[in-house]
Amino acid sequence: MSVLLVILAAVLGLVLVVLLLILLLLCVRIGVDVVGVNGEVSAEVRYGPVRIPVWPPPRWEKAQPPSEQQADEHKPRKKRKKKKYRYSLNREQLDIGDLADMTHRLHSELTDAVHISRLRVRVVIGTDDAAKTGILLGQSAAVTGMIVPFLENTFTMEDYHVDVDADFEADHTEWAFTVFGSLRPLRVLWCLLRHSGELYRMYKRMIKKEEAITHE
């Protein structure tokens, strides 16, 4: 009997350690670092000291000798497994009001959890028409004047600067930006658990499950 109690205590202790470890890992902030320059964008996810590139997607292709490549070409291709069900959006049950209300509540509960450590944007507008360049500059300045105060009042921001200018002699637009934001996954998990029932009912109502139609 005493041996069973010792084993039970050891198992419970191990489970408790695992749960505490998971809780500790969920408290570590997850960050996203995005950098873009003139059409080239790269992004990586940071989890503590660990960095995981997510864009451009890493390639893990392994080079094969020519003989193996020829052998693979002659191999019969496997038939894809036919899907038994297909899922589609049930437009008749789509309620924009409910969707907007849920989005607003999730946004309001997670807003203070998002921490933007760095936001740097630099845009130099240039076209082959000076009048068009001026119009775009005015529109961009108006949009910037609305977005920046919204970000300041919504999220916790540290280092941020947005600069939009124009080069009336250039024939193309140049831009660059860098964004780094982070949040605690524990906060997101807790928010999703609080609204799990509503989210599941909304999913069941909006997503339609049908038998897949196959043609022989």
N, C-alpha and C. Protein backbone atom coordinates (compact mmCIF):
# COMPACT_ATOMS: atom_id res chain seq x y z
N MET A 1 0.82 -1.20 0.00
CA MET A 1 0.00 0.00 0.00
C MET A 1 0.86 1.26 0.00
N SER A 2 1.92 1.21 0.82
CA SER A 2 2.81 2.37 0.90
C SER A 2 3.50 2.62 -0.43
N VAL A 3 3.82 1.51 -1.15
CA VAL A 3 4.48 1.67 -2.45
C VAL A 3 3.55 2.37 -3.44
N LEU A 4 2.25 2.02 -3.42
CA LEU A 4 1.29 2.66 -4.31
C LEU A 4 1.14 4.14 -3.99
N LEU A 5 1.16 4.47 -2.69
CA LEU A 5 1.07 5.88 -2.30
C LEU A 5 2.29 6.67 -2.78
N VAL A 6 3.46 6.04 -2.70
CA VAL A 6 4.68 6.72 -3.16
C VAL A 6 4.62 6.94 -4.67
N ILE A 7 4.17 5.91 -5.39
CA ILE A 7 4.06 6.04 -6.85
C ILE A 7 3.05 7.12 -7.22
N LEU A 8 1.90 7.12 -6.51
CA LEU A 8 0.87 8.12 -6.77
C LEU A 8 1.38 9.53 -6.47
N ALA A 9 2.11 9.68 -5.37
CA ALA A 9 2.67 10.99 -5.04
C ALA A 9 3.68 11.44 -6.08
N ALA A 10 4.50 10.50 -6.57
CA ALA A 10 5.49 10.84 -7.59
C ALA A 10 4.81 11.27 -8.88
N VAL A 11 3.74 10.56 -9.27
CA VAL A 11 3.02 10.91 -10.50
C VAL A 11 2.36 12.28 -10.36
N LEU A 12 1.71 12.53 -9.22
CA LEU A 12 1.07 13.82 -9.00
C LEU A 12 2.10 14.95 -8.97
N GLY A 13 3.26 14.67 -8.36
CA GLY A 13 4.32 15.68 -8.36
C GLY A 13 4.83 15.98 -9.75
N LEU A 14 4.97 14.94 -10.58
CA LEU A 14 5.42 15.13 -11.95
C LEU A 14 4.40 15.93 -12.75
N VAL A 15 3.12 15.59 -12.57
CA VAL A 15 2.06 16.33 -13.27
C VAL A 15 2.06 17.79 -12.85
N LEU A 16 2.25 18.05 -11.55
CA LEU A 16 2.28 19.42 -11.06
C LEU A 16 3.46 20.20 -11.65
N VAL A 17 4.62 19.54 -11.74
CA VAL A 17 5.79 20.20 -12.33
C VAL A 17 5.55 20.52 -13.80
N VAL A 18 4.94 19.58 -14.52
CA VAL A 18 4.65 19.82 -15.94
C VAL A 18 3.68 20.98 -16.11
N LEU A 19 2.64 21.02 -15.26
CA LEU A 19 1.66 22.11 -15.35
C LEU A 19 2.31 23.45 -15.03
N LEU A 20 3.18 23.49 -14.02
CA LEU A 20 3.87 24.73 -13.70
C LEU A 20 4.80 25.15 -14.83
N LEU A 21 5.44 24.19 -15.46
CA LEU A 21 6.33 24.50 -16.59
C LEU A 21 5.53 25.07 -17.76
N ILE A 22 4.37 24.45 -18.04
CA ILE A 22 3.52 24.96 -19.12
C ILE A 22 3.04 26.37 -18.80
N LEU A 23 2.65 26.60 -17.55
CA LEU A 23 2.20 27.93 -17.14
C LEU A 23 3.32 28.95 -17.27
N LEU A 24 4.54 28.55 -16.91
CA LEU A 24 5.68 29.45 -17.04
C LEU A 24 5.96 29.78 -18.51
N LEU A 25 5.87 28.76 -19.38
CA LEU A 25 6.11 28.99 -20.80
C LEU A 25 5.04 29.90 -21.40
N LEU A 26 3.80 29.77 -20.92
CA LEU A 26 2.73 30.62 -21.44
C LEU A 26 2.87 32.06 -20.99
N CYS A 27 3.61 32.28 -19.90
CA CYS A 27 3.81 33.66 -19.42
C CYS A 27 4.90 34.39 -20.21
N VAL A 28 5.74 33.65 -20.92
CA VAL A 28 6.79 34.28 -21.73
C VAL A 28 6.14 34.96 -22.93
N ARG A 29 6.56 36.17 -23.20
CA ARG A 29 5.98 36.92 -24.31
C ARG A 29 6.38 36.34 -25.66
N ILE A 30 5.41 36.28 -26.57
CA ILE A 30 5.65 35.90 -27.95
C ILE A 30 5.64 37.17 -28.79
N GLY A 31 6.68 37.37 -29.56
CA GLY A 31 6.80 38.58 -30.37
C GLY A 31 6.87 38.27 -31.85
N VAL A 32 6.47 39.23 -32.65
CA VAL A 32 6.55 39.13 -34.10
C VAL A 32 7.35 40.32 -34.60
N ASP A 33 8.40 40.05 -35.35
CA ASP A 33 9.28 41.08 -35.90
C ASP A 33 9.16 41.06 -37.41
N VAL A 34 8.68 42.16 -37.98
CA VAL A 34 8.46 42.24 -39.43
C VAL A 34 9.26 43.42 -39.97
N VAL A 35 9.99 43.18 -41.07
CA VAL A 35 10.79 44.22 -41.72
C VAL A 35 10.50 44.16 -43.21
N GLY A 36 10.29 45.32 -43.80
CA GLY A 36 10.02 45.39 -45.23
C GLY A 36 10.73 46.56 -45.86
N VAL A 37 11.28 46.34 -47.07
CA VAL A 37 11.96 47.39 -47.83
C VAL A 37 11.64 47.20 -49.30
N ASN A 38 10.87 48.14 -49.86
CA ASN A 38 10.60 48.17 -51.30
C ASN A 38 10.15 46.81 -51.86
N GLY A 39 9.17 46.22 -51.26
CA GLY A 39 8.59 44.99 -51.76
C GLY A 39 9.15 43.73 -51.15
N GLU A 40 10.30 43.79 -50.49
CA GLU A 40 10.88 42.63 -49.84
C GLU A 40 10.49 42.65 -48.36
N VAL A 41 9.81 41.60 -47.91
CA VAL A 41 9.31 41.54 -46.54
C VAL A 41 9.83 40.27 -45.88
N SER A 42 10.28 40.40 -44.66
CA SER A 42 10.70 39.24 -43.87
C SER A 42 10.06 39.33 -42.49
N ALA A 43 9.74 38.18 -41.94
CA ALA A 43 9.08 38.14 -40.63
C ALA A 43 9.60 36.95 -39.85
N GLU A 44 9.71 37.15 -38.55
CA GLU A 44 10.12 36.08 -37.67
C GLU A 44 9.36 36.17 -36.35
N VAL A 45 9.14 35.02 -35.75
CA VAL A 45 8.47 34.94 -34.46
C VAL A 45 9.52 34.74 -33.38
N ARG A 46 9.40 35.50 -32.31
CA ARG A 46 10.34 35.40 -31.20
C ARG A 46 9.61 34.84 -29.97
N TYR A 47 10.22 33.85 -29.39
CA TYR A 47 9.71 33.28 -28.14
C TYR A 47 10.87 33.26 -27.16
N GLY A 48 10.93 34.32 -26.34
CA GLY A 48 12.09 34.47 -25.48
C GLY A 48 13.32 34.70 -26.35
N PRO A 49 14.39 33.95 -26.14
CA PRO A 49 15.59 34.12 -26.97
C PRO A 49 15.53 33.37 -28.30
N VAL A 50 14.49 32.58 -28.50
CA VAL A 50 14.38 31.76 -29.72
C VAL A 50 13.75 32.58 -30.84
N ARG A 51 14.33 32.52 -32.04
CA ARG A 51 13.80 33.20 -33.21
C ARG A 51 13.47 32.17 -34.29
N ILE A 52 12.27 32.27 -34.82
CA ILE A 52 11.81 31.32 -35.84
C ILE A 52 11.39 32.10 -37.09
N PRO A 53 12.14 32.01 -38.20
CA PRO A 53 11.73 32.70 -39.43
C PRO A 53 10.45 32.09 -39.98
N VAL A 54 9.49 32.94 -40.35
CA VAL A 54 8.22 32.46 -40.90
C VAL A 54 7.97 32.99 -42.31
N TRP A 55 8.66 34.07 -42.68
CA TRP A 55 8.52 34.60 -44.04
C TRP A 55 9.80 35.30 -44.45
N PRO A 56 10.33 35.00 -45.62
CA PRO A 56 9.87 33.98 -46.58
C PRO A 56 9.96 32.59 -45.97
N PRO A 57 9.04 31.70 -46.37
CA PRO A 57 9.03 30.36 -45.78
C PRO A 57 10.33 29.64 -46.05
N PRO A 58 10.94 29.06 -45.03
CA PRO A 58 12.21 28.35 -45.23
C PRO A 58 12.01 27.10 -46.10
N ARG A 59 13.00 26.84 -46.91
CA ARG A 59 12.95 25.66 -47.78
C ARG A 59 13.82 24.56 -47.19
N TRP A 60 13.23 23.38 -47.14
CA TRP A 60 13.93 22.23 -46.58
C TRP A 60 14.14 21.14 -47.63
N GLU A 61 14.24 21.57 -48.89
CA GLU A 61 14.40 20.59 -49.96
C GLU A 61 15.80 19.99 -49.92
N LYS A 62 15.84 18.72 -50.05
CA LYS A 62 17.11 18.00 -50.04
C LYS A 62 17.49 17.62 -51.47
N ALA A 63 18.70 18.02 -51.84
CA ALA A 63 19.14 17.74 -53.21
C ALA A 63 19.30 16.24 -53.41
N GLN A 64 18.78 15.74 -54.56
CA GLN A 64 18.86 14.33 -54.88
C GLN A 64 19.80 14.12 -56.07
N PRO A 65 20.52 13.02 -56.08
CA PRO A 65 21.35 12.73 -57.25
C PRO A 65 20.48 12.55 -58.49
N PRO A 66 21.03 12.81 -59.69
CA PRO A 66 20.24 12.68 -60.92
C PRO A 66 19.61 11.31 -61.08
N SER A 67 20.30 10.24 -60.65
CA SER A 67 19.74 8.90 -60.80
C SER A 67 18.48 8.74 -59.97
N GLU A 68 18.48 9.29 -58.74
CA GLU A 68 17.30 9.18 -57.89
C GLU A 68 16.16 10.04 -58.42
N GLN A 69 16.48 11.20 -59.03
CA GLN A 69 15.44 12.05 -59.59
C GLN A 69 14.75 11.34 -60.75
N GLN A 70 15.53 10.66 -61.60
CA GLN A 70 14.93 9.92 -62.72
C GLN A 70 14.07 8.77 -62.21
N ALA A 71 14.52 8.11 -61.16
CA ALA A 71 13.74 7.00 -60.60
C ALA A 71 12.43 7.50 -60.02
N ASP A 72 12.47 8.70 -59.39
CA ASP A 72 11.24 9.26 -58.83
C ASP A 72 10.25 9.63 -59.92
N GLU A 73 10.76 10.07 -61.08
CA GLU A 73 9.86 10.45 -62.17
C GLU A 73 9.08 9.26 -62.70
N HIS A 74 9.67 8.06 -62.67
CA HIS A 74 9.02 6.87 -63.21
C HIS A 74 8.12 6.18 -62.18
N LYS A 75 8.18 6.62 -60.93
CA LYS A 75 7.33 6.00 -59.92
C LYS A 75 5.89 6.43 -60.12
N PRO A 76 4.96 5.51 -59.95
CA PRO A 76 3.53 5.90 -60.08
C PRO A 76 3.14 6.83 -58.94
N ARG A 77 2.42 7.86 -59.30
CA ARG A 77 1.98 8.83 -58.30
C ARG A 77 0.83 8.27 -57.46
N LYS A 78 0.93 8.56 -56.17
CA LYS A 78 -0.12 8.09 -55.27
C LYS A 78 -1.38 8.92 -55.46
N LYS A 79 -2.49 8.24 -55.44
CA LYS A 79 -3.76 8.94 -55.56
C LYS A 79 -4.07 9.68 -54.26
N ARG A 80 -4.54 10.90 -54.43
CA ARG A 80 -4.91 11.68 -53.26
C ARG A 80 -6.13 11.09 -52.57
N LYS A 81 -6.07 11.13 -51.26
CA LYS A 81 -7.19 10.61 -50.49
C LYS A 81 -8.38 11.54 -50.62
N LYS A 82 -9.51 10.97 -51.01
CA LYS A 82 -10.70 11.78 -51.22
C LYS A 82 -11.28 12.21 -49.88
N LYS A 83 -11.64 13.48 -49.81
CA LYS A 83 -12.22 14.02 -48.60
C LYS A 83 -13.68 13.60 -48.47
N LYS A 84 -14.04 13.17 -47.27
CA LYS A 84 -15.40 12.72 -47.04
C LYS A 84 -16.36 13.89 -46.85
N TYR A 85 -15.86 14.98 -46.25
CA TYR A 85 -16.69 16.15 -46.01
C TYR A 85 -15.98 17.40 -46.54
N ARG A 86 -16.78 18.39 -46.80
CA ARG A 86 -16.24 19.70 -47.16
C ARG A 86 -16.95 20.76 -46.34
N TYR A 87 -16.23 21.83 -46.07
CA TYR A 87 -16.75 22.89 -45.22
C TYR A 87 -16.86 24.18 -46.03
N SER A 88 -17.95 24.90 -45.82
CA SER A 88 -18.18 26.14 -46.53
C SER A 88 -18.86 27.13 -45.60
N LEU A 89 -18.80 28.40 -45.99
CA LEU A 89 -19.41 29.45 -45.19
C LEU A 89 -20.90 29.50 -45.44
N ASN A 90 -21.67 29.41 -44.37
CA ASN A 90 -23.13 29.48 -44.47
C ASN A 90 -23.52 30.97 -44.47
N ARG A 91 -23.68 31.51 -45.66
CA ARG A 91 -23.94 32.94 -45.80
C ARG A 91 -25.29 33.33 -45.19
N GLU A 92 -26.25 32.41 -45.19
CA GLU A 92 -27.57 32.74 -44.64
C GLU A 92 -27.51 32.97 -43.14
N GLN A 93 -26.57 32.31 -42.46
CA GLN A 93 -26.45 32.45 -41.01
C GLN A 93 -25.38 33.47 -40.61
N LEU A 94 -24.79 34.13 -41.60
CA LEU A 94 -23.75 35.11 -41.32
C LEU A 94 -24.39 36.39 -40.78
N ASP A 95 -24.12 36.69 -39.54
CA ASP A 95 -24.65 37.89 -38.89
C ASP A 95 -23.49 38.85 -38.65
N ILE A 96 -23.44 39.91 -39.45
CA ILE A 96 -22.34 40.87 -39.33
C ILE A 96 -22.35 41.54 -37.96
N GLY A 97 -23.56 41.78 -37.41
CA GLY A 97 -23.64 42.42 -36.10
C GLY A 97 -23.01 41.58 -35.01
N ASP A 98 -23.33 40.27 -34.97
CA ASP A 98 -22.75 39.38 -33.95
C ASP A 98 -21.24 39.26 -34.14
N LEU A 99 -20.82 39.15 -35.40
CA LEU A 99 -19.40 39.02 -35.68
C LEU A 99 -18.65 40.27 -35.25
N ALA A 100 -19.21 41.44 -35.54
CA ALA A 100 -18.56 42.70 -35.15
C ALA A 100 -18.53 42.85 -33.63
N ASP A 101 -19.61 42.41 -32.96
CA ASP A 101 -19.67 42.51 -31.50
C ASP A 101 -18.62 41.62 -30.85
N MET A 102 -18.49 40.38 -31.35
CA MET A 102 -17.48 39.48 -30.81
C MET A 102 -16.07 40.00 -31.07
N THR A 103 -15.83 40.51 -32.27
CA THR A 103 -14.52 41.06 -32.59
C THR A 103 -14.19 42.24 -31.68
N HIS A 104 -15.17 43.08 -31.44
CA HIS A 104 -14.96 44.25 -30.57
C HIS A 104 -14.63 43.83 -29.13
N ARG A 105 -15.33 42.81 -28.62
CA ARG A 105 -15.08 42.36 -27.25
C ARG A 105 -13.70 41.72 -27.12
N LEU A 106 -13.33 40.87 -28.09
CA LEU A 106 -12.00 40.27 -28.05
C LEU A 106 -10.93 41.34 -28.16
N HIS A 107 -11.16 42.30 -29.04
CA HIS A 107 -10.19 43.38 -29.22
C HIS A 107 -10.03 44.20 -27.95
N SER A 108 -11.16 44.52 -27.29
CA SER A 108 -11.10 45.34 -26.08
C SER A 108 -10.41 44.61 -24.93
N GLU A 109 -10.54 43.28 -24.87
CA GLU A 109 -9.92 42.53 -23.79
C GLU A 109 -8.44 42.27 -24.03
N LEU A 110 -8.02 42.26 -25.30
CA LEU A 110 -6.63 41.95 -25.60
C LEU A 110 -5.81 43.18 -25.97
N THR A 111 -6.46 44.34 -26.04
CA THR A 111 -5.75 45.55 -26.48
C THR A 111 -4.57 45.88 -25.59
N ASP A 112 -4.79 45.91 -24.27
CA ASP A 112 -3.70 46.28 -23.37
C ASP A 112 -2.65 45.18 -23.24
N ALA A 113 -2.92 43.99 -23.79
CA ALA A 113 -1.94 42.90 -23.73
C ALA A 113 -0.92 43.01 -24.86
N VAL A 114 -1.27 43.74 -25.93
CA VAL A 114 -0.36 43.90 -27.07
C VAL A 114 0.61 45.03 -26.77
N HIS A 115 1.87 44.74 -26.91
CA HIS A 115 2.93 45.72 -26.63
C HIS A 115 3.74 45.92 -27.91
N ILE A 116 3.68 47.14 -28.46
CA ILE A 116 4.44 47.46 -29.67
C ILE A 116 5.72 48.16 -29.25
N SER A 117 6.82 47.45 -29.33
CA SER A 117 8.10 48.00 -28.90
C SER A 117 8.71 48.91 -29.96
N ARG A 118 8.45 48.62 -31.22
CA ARG A 118 9.07 49.42 -32.28
C ARG A 118 8.15 49.49 -33.49
N LEU A 119 7.95 50.68 -33.99
CA LEU A 119 7.18 50.90 -35.22
C LEU A 119 7.83 52.04 -35.98
N ARG A 120 8.47 51.71 -37.07
CA ARG A 120 9.15 52.69 -37.90
C ARG A 120 8.67 52.54 -39.33
N VAL A 121 8.15 53.62 -39.88
CA VAL A 121 7.65 53.61 -41.26
C VAL A 121 8.20 54.82 -41.99
N ARG A 122 8.74 54.58 -43.18
CA ARG A 122 9.29 55.65 -44.02
C ARG A 122 8.81 55.44 -45.44
N VAL A 123 8.07 56.41 -45.98
CA VAL A 123 7.54 56.32 -47.33
C VAL A 123 7.91 57.59 -48.09
N VAL A 124 8.48 57.42 -49.28
CA VAL A 124 8.78 58.53 -50.18
C VAL A 124 8.00 58.28 -51.46
N ILE A 125 6.95 59.07 -51.67
CA ILE A 125 6.05 58.89 -52.81
C ILE A 125 6.66 59.51 -54.05
N GLY A 126 6.60 58.78 -55.14
CA GLY A 126 7.09 59.28 -56.41
C GLY A 126 6.34 58.64 -57.56
N THR A 127 5.90 59.44 -58.51
CA THR A 127 5.23 58.94 -59.71
C THR A 127 5.76 59.72 -60.91
N ASP A 128 5.30 59.35 -62.08
CA ASP A 128 5.73 60.08 -63.28
C ASP A 128 4.90 61.33 -63.52
N ASP A 129 3.98 61.65 -62.58
CA ASP A 129 3.13 62.83 -62.70
C ASP A 129 3.19 63.58 -61.37
N ALA A 130 3.66 64.85 -61.44
CA ALA A 130 3.81 65.63 -60.21
C ALA A 130 2.47 65.89 -59.53
N ALA A 131 1.41 66.12 -60.32
CA ALA A 131 0.09 66.37 -59.73
C ALA A 131 -0.41 65.13 -59.00
N LYS A 132 -0.22 63.97 -59.59
CA LYS A 132 -0.63 62.72 -58.95
C LYS A 132 0.17 62.49 -57.67
N THR A 133 1.45 62.82 -57.70
CA THR A 133 2.28 62.68 -56.51
C THR A 133 1.76 63.55 -55.38
N GLY A 134 1.38 64.78 -55.70
CA GLY A 134 0.85 65.67 -54.68
C GLY A 134 -0.46 65.17 -54.09
N ILE A 135 -1.33 64.63 -54.94
CA ILE A 135 -2.60 64.09 -54.44
C ILE A 135 -2.35 62.90 -53.51
N LEU A 136 -1.46 62.01 -53.92
CA LEU A 136 -1.14 60.85 -53.09
C LEU A 136 -0.51 61.27 -51.77
N LEU A 137 0.30 62.32 -51.80
CA LEU A 137 0.92 62.80 -50.56
C LEU A 137 -0.15 63.31 -49.61
N GLY A 138 -1.11 64.07 -50.12
CA GLY A 138 -2.18 64.58 -49.26
C GLY A 138 -3.03 63.47 -48.69
N GLN A 139 -3.37 62.47 -49.51
CA GLN A 139 -4.17 61.35 -49.02
C GLN A 139 -3.40 60.54 -47.98
N SER A 140 -2.12 60.32 -48.22
CA SER A 140 -1.30 59.55 -47.27
C SER A 140 -1.15 60.28 -45.95
N ALA A 141 -0.99 61.60 -46.01
CA ALA A 141 -0.88 62.38 -44.78
C ALA A 141 -2.17 62.31 -43.97
N ALA A 142 -3.32 62.33 -44.67
CA ALA A 142 -4.60 62.24 -43.97
C ALA A 142 -4.77 60.88 -43.29
N VAL A 143 -4.41 59.81 -44.01
CA VAL A 143 -4.52 58.46 -43.44
C VAL A 143 -3.58 58.31 -42.25
N THR A 144 -2.36 58.82 -42.39
CA THR A 144 -1.39 58.75 -41.29
C THR A 144 -1.89 59.50 -40.07
N GLY A 145 -2.52 60.66 -40.30
CA GLY A 145 -3.06 61.44 -39.20
C GLY A 145 -4.17 60.75 -38.46
N MET A 146 -4.84 59.78 -39.09
CA MET A 146 -5.88 59.03 -38.40
C MET A 146 -5.34 57.76 -37.74
N ILE A 147 -4.42 57.07 -38.42
CA ILE A 147 -3.95 55.78 -37.92
C ILE A 147 -3.03 55.94 -36.71
N VAL A 148 -2.09 56.88 -36.78
CA VAL A 148 -1.12 57.02 -35.69
C VAL A 148 -1.79 57.35 -34.35
N PRO A 149 -2.71 58.33 -34.27
CA PRO A 149 -3.39 58.54 -32.98
C PRO A 149 -4.19 57.33 -32.50
N PHE A 150 -4.77 56.59 -33.45
CA PHE A 150 -5.50 55.38 -33.06
C PHE A 150 -4.56 54.37 -32.41
N LEU A 151 -3.39 54.17 -32.98
CA LEU A 151 -2.42 53.23 -32.40
C LEU A 151 -1.94 53.72 -31.05
N GLU A 152 -1.71 55.04 -30.92
CA GLU A 152 -1.24 55.59 -29.66
C GLU A 152 -2.27 55.39 -28.54
N ASN A 153 -3.53 55.54 -28.87
CA ASN A 153 -4.59 55.44 -27.86
C ASN A 153 -5.06 54.01 -27.61
N THR A 154 -4.65 53.09 -28.48
CA THR A 154 -5.15 51.71 -28.38
C THR A 154 -4.12 50.77 -27.78
N PHE A 155 -2.87 50.85 -28.24
CA PHE A 155 -1.85 49.91 -27.81
C PHE A 155 -0.78 50.60 -26.98
N THR A 156 -0.03 49.78 -26.24
CA THR A 156 1.13 50.27 -25.51
C THR A 156 2.31 50.36 -26.49
N MET A 157 2.75 51.58 -26.76
CA MET A 157 3.78 51.79 -27.78
C MET A 157 4.97 52.51 -27.16
N GLU A 158 6.16 52.13 -27.59
CA GLU A 158 7.39 52.74 -27.10
C GLU A 158 8.04 53.59 -28.20
N ASP A 159 8.79 52.95 -29.04
CA ASP A 159 9.53 53.64 -30.09
C ASP A 159 8.72 53.59 -31.38
N TYR A 160 8.19 54.72 -31.82
CA TYR A 160 7.42 54.72 -33.06
C TYR A 160 7.61 56.06 -33.78
N HIS A 161 7.67 55.96 -35.10
CA HIS A 161 7.83 57.14 -35.94
C HIS A 161 7.34 56.80 -37.34
N VAL A 162 6.45 57.62 -37.86
CA VAL A 162 5.90 57.43 -39.21
C VAL A 162 6.19 58.69 -40.01
N ASP A 163 6.86 58.54 -41.13
CA ASP A 163 7.24 59.68 -41.95
C ASP A 163 6.81 59.41 -43.40
N VAL A 164 5.97 60.28 -43.93
CA VAL A 164 5.51 60.18 -45.32
C VAL A 164 5.91 61.47 -46.03
N ASP A 165 6.66 61.33 -47.12
CA ASP A 165 7.13 62.49 -47.88
C ASP A 165 6.97 62.19 -49.36
N ALA A 166 7.34 63.14 -50.19
CA ALA A 166 7.20 62.97 -51.63
C ALA A 166 8.45 63.49 -52.33
N ASP A 167 8.80 62.83 -53.42
CA ASP A 167 9.89 63.26 -54.30
C ASP A 167 9.29 63.49 -55.68
N PHE A 168 9.10 64.76 -56.02
CA PHE A 168 8.40 65.08 -57.26
C PHE A 168 9.24 64.83 -58.50
N GLU A 169 10.51 64.52 -58.30
CA GLU A 169 11.37 64.20 -59.44
C GLU A 169 11.54 62.69 -59.64
N ALA A 170 11.10 61.90 -58.66
CA ALA A 170 11.24 60.44 -58.77
C ALA A 170 10.06 59.87 -59.56
N ASP A 171 10.27 58.72 -60.17
CA ASP A 171 9.21 58.07 -60.95
C ASP A 171 8.69 56.81 -60.28
N HIS A 172 9.09 56.55 -59.06
CA HIS A 172 8.60 55.38 -58.33
C HIS A 172 8.60 55.69 -56.84
N THR A 173 7.81 54.93 -56.11
CA THR A 173 7.68 55.10 -54.66
C THR A 173 8.61 54.15 -53.93
N GLU A 174 9.26 54.64 -52.90
CA GLU A 174 10.11 53.81 -52.06
C GLU A 174 9.57 53.81 -50.64
N TRP A 175 9.64 52.66 -50.00
CA TRP A 175 9.12 52.55 -48.64
C TRP A 175 9.92 51.53 -47.85
N ALA A 176 9.88 51.70 -46.55
CA ALA A 176 10.55 50.78 -45.63
C ALA A 176 9.82 50.85 -44.29
N PHE A 177 9.76 49.72 -43.62
CA PHE A 177 9.12 49.70 -42.31
C PHE A 177 9.70 48.57 -41.47
N THR A 178 9.57 48.76 -40.18
CA THR A 178 9.94 47.71 -39.23
C THR A 178 8.96 47.75 -38.06
N VAL A 179 8.45 46.61 -37.68
CA VAL A 179 7.45 46.51 -36.62
C VAL A 179 7.84 45.35 -35.71
N PHE A 180 7.81 45.62 -34.42
CA PHE A 180 8.01 44.54 -33.46
C PHE A 180 6.96 44.67 -32.37
N GLY A 181 6.09 43.67 -32.26
CA GLY A 181 5.05 43.64 -31.24
C GLY A 181 5.07 42.32 -30.50
N SER A 182 4.54 42.32 -29.30
CA SER A 182 4.55 41.09 -28.49
C SER A 182 3.33 41.05 -27.59
N LEU A 183 3.01 39.85 -27.14
CA LEU A 183 1.93 39.64 -26.18
C LEU A 183 2.18 38.34 -25.44
N ARG A 184 1.43 38.17 -24.35
CA ARG A 184 1.57 36.94 -23.56
C ARG A 184 0.51 35.94 -24.02
N PRO A 185 0.92 34.73 -24.44
CA PRO A 185 -0.06 33.74 -24.89
C PRO A 185 -1.04 33.33 -23.81
N LEU A 186 -0.63 33.44 -22.53
CA LEU A 186 -1.54 33.09 -21.44
C LEU A 186 -2.77 33.99 -21.44
N ARG A 187 -2.56 35.26 -21.75
CA ARG A 187 -3.67 36.20 -21.80
C ARG A 187 -4.62 35.86 -22.94
N VAL A 188 -4.06 35.49 -24.09
CA VAL A 188 -4.89 35.12 -25.25
C VAL A 188 -5.67 33.84 -24.95
N LEU A 189 -4.98 32.86 -24.36
CA LEU A 189 -5.64 31.59 -24.03
C LEU A 189 -6.79 31.81 -23.05
N TRP A 190 -6.57 32.64 -22.04
CA TRP A 190 -7.61 32.90 -21.05
C TRP A 190 -8.80 33.60 -21.70
N CYS A 191 -8.53 34.54 -22.60
CA CYS A 191 -9.62 35.24 -23.28
C CYS A 191 -10.43 34.29 -24.16
N LEU A 192 -9.73 33.40 -24.87
CA LEU A 192 -10.43 32.45 -25.74
C LEU A 192 -11.24 31.45 -24.92
N LEU A 193 -10.71 31.05 -23.76
CA LEU A 193 -11.45 30.13 -22.89
C LEU A 193 -12.71 30.79 -22.34
N ARG A 194 -12.62 32.06 -22.02
CA ARG A 194 -13.79 32.78 -21.50
C ARG A 194 -14.92 32.84 -22.52
N HIS A 195 -14.55 32.95 -23.78
CA HIS A 195 -15.56 33.08 -24.85
C HIS A 195 -15.66 31.82 -25.70
N SER A 196 -15.14 30.71 -25.19
CA SER A 196 -15.10 29.48 -26.00
C SER A 196 -16.50 29.03 -26.40
N GLY A 197 -17.47 29.12 -25.48
CA GLY A 197 -18.83 28.70 -25.80
C GLY A 197 -19.44 29.54 -26.91
N GLU A 198 -19.28 30.86 -26.82
CA GLU A 198 -19.84 31.73 -27.86
C GLU A 198 -19.13 31.52 -29.19
N LEU A 199 -17.81 31.36 -29.15
CA LEU A 199 -17.06 31.16 -30.38
C LEU A 199 -17.45 29.84 -31.05
N TYR A 200 -17.66 28.80 -30.25
CA TYR A 200 -18.03 27.50 -30.82
C TYR A 200 -19.43 27.55 -31.43
N ARG A 201 -20.36 28.19 -30.74
CA ARG A 201 -21.71 28.31 -31.30
C ARG A 201 -21.71 29.14 -32.58
N MET A 202 -20.92 30.19 -32.61
CA MET A 202 -20.83 31.00 -33.81
C MET A 202 -20.22 30.20 -34.96
N TYR A 203 -19.20 29.39 -34.64
CA TYR A 203 -18.56 28.55 -35.66
C TYR A 203 -19.55 27.53 -36.22
N LYS A 204 -20.30 26.87 -35.33
CA LYS A 204 -21.27 25.86 -35.78
C LYS A 204 -22.37 26.49 -36.62
N ARG A 205 -22.71 27.73 -36.32
CA ARG A 205 -23.77 28.39 -37.06
C ARG A 205 -23.30 28.90 -38.42
N MET A 206 -22.06 29.33 -38.50
CA MET A 206 -21.58 29.96 -39.72
C MET A 206 -20.89 28.99 -40.68
N ILE A 207 -20.34 27.89 -40.15
CA ILE A 207 -19.63 26.94 -41.00
C ILE A 207 -20.54 25.76 -41.29
N LYS A 208 -20.73 25.48 -42.57
CA LYS A 208 -21.63 24.41 -42.99
C LYS A 208 -20.81 23.20 -43.40
N LYS A 209 -21.16 22.04 -42.82
CA LYS A 209 -20.48 20.79 -43.11
C LYS A 209 -21.36 19.96 -44.04
N GLU A 210 -20.79 19.60 -45.19
CA GLU A 210 -21.54 18.83 -46.19
C GLU A 210 -20.70 17.65 -46.65
N GLU A 211 -21.39 16.65 -47.15
CA GLU A 211 -20.67 15.51 -47.73
C GLU A 211 -20.03 15.95 -49.04
N ALA A 212 -18.78 15.57 -49.20
CA ALA A 212 -18.06 15.93 -50.42
C ALA A 212 -18.64 15.17 -51.61
N ILE A 213 -18.84 15.87 -52.71
CA ILE A 213 -19.38 15.27 -53.94
C ILE A 213 -18.22 14.81 -54.78
N THR A 214 -18.19 13.54 -55.05
CA THR A 214 -17.11 12.96 -55.85
C THR A 214 -17.64 12.49 -57.18
N HIS A 215 -16.86 12.65 -58.23
CA HIS A 215 -17.21 12.20 -59.57
C HIS A 215 -16.25 11.10 -59.97
N GLU A 216 -16.80 9.95 -60.18
CA GLU A 216 -15.97 8.80 -60.57
C GLU A 216 -15.69 8.86 -62.07
